[in-house]
Amino acid sequence: MEWEDAGMDRLHGAPEALAYVRGLNAITPPTAAFDAAFSSD
């Protein structure tokens, strides 16, 4: 993880960032393929 906020204490910000990234894992990917949206069927 890249750290851009020099004003935030890393001991506070790092756990917050980790929780955010772990939350991204809960996103369910779409079942349709991207190209299928442009199909002329």
Protein backbone atom coordinates (compact mmCIF):
# COMPACT_ATOMS: atom_id res chain seq x y z
CA MET A 1 0.00 0.00 0.00
CA GLU A 2 1.33 3.40 -0.94
CA TRP A 3 1.29 5.96 1.84
CA GLU A 4 0.54 9.54 0.72
CA ASP A 5 -0.61 11.23 3.93
CA ALA A 6 2.43 12.51 5.80
CA GLY A 7 0.16 14.21 8.33
CA MET A 8 -1.49 11.00 9.54
CA ASP A 9 0.17 8.74 12.06
CA ARG A 10 0.87 5.41 10.35
CA LEU A 11 -0.18 3.46 13.45
CA HIS A 12 -3.66 4.94 13.02
CA GLY A 13 -3.84 5.06 9.23
CA ALA A 14 -2.41 1.65 8.36
CA PRO A 15 -5.10 -0.41 10.18
CA GLU A 16 -7.77 1.84 8.68
CA ALA A 17 -6.36 1.30 5.16
CA LEU A 18 -6.09 -2.45 5.73
CA ALA A 19 -9.72 -2.65 6.81
CA TYR A 20 -10.74 -0.78 3.66
CA VAL A 21 -8.75 -3.11 1.37
CA ARG A 22 -10.12 -6.19 3.11
CA GLY A 23 -13.61 -4.80 2.58
CA LEU A 24 -12.99 -4.68 -1.17
CA ASN A 25 -12.73 -8.46 -1.11
CA ALA A 26 -16.43 -8.59 -0.24
CA ILE A 27 -17.40 -7.12 -3.63
CA THR A 28 -19.04 -9.76 -5.80
CA PRO A 29 -17.81 -9.60 -9.39
CA PRO A 30 -20.45 -9.47 -12.13
CA THR A 31 -21.46 -12.75 -13.74
CA ALA A 32 -21.69 -11.35 -17.28
CA ALA A 33 -18.61 -10.84 -19.39
CA PHE A 34 -17.82 -7.25 -20.32
CA ASP A 35 -17.99 -7.98 -24.05
CA ALA A 36 -21.44 -9.52 -23.65
CA ALA A 37 -22.86 -6.07 -22.97
CA PHE A 38 -22.02 -5.12 -26.57
CA SER A 39 -23.35 -8.30 -28.15
CA SER A 40 -25.94 -7.84 -30.90
CA ASP A 41 -27.72 -11.12 -30.08
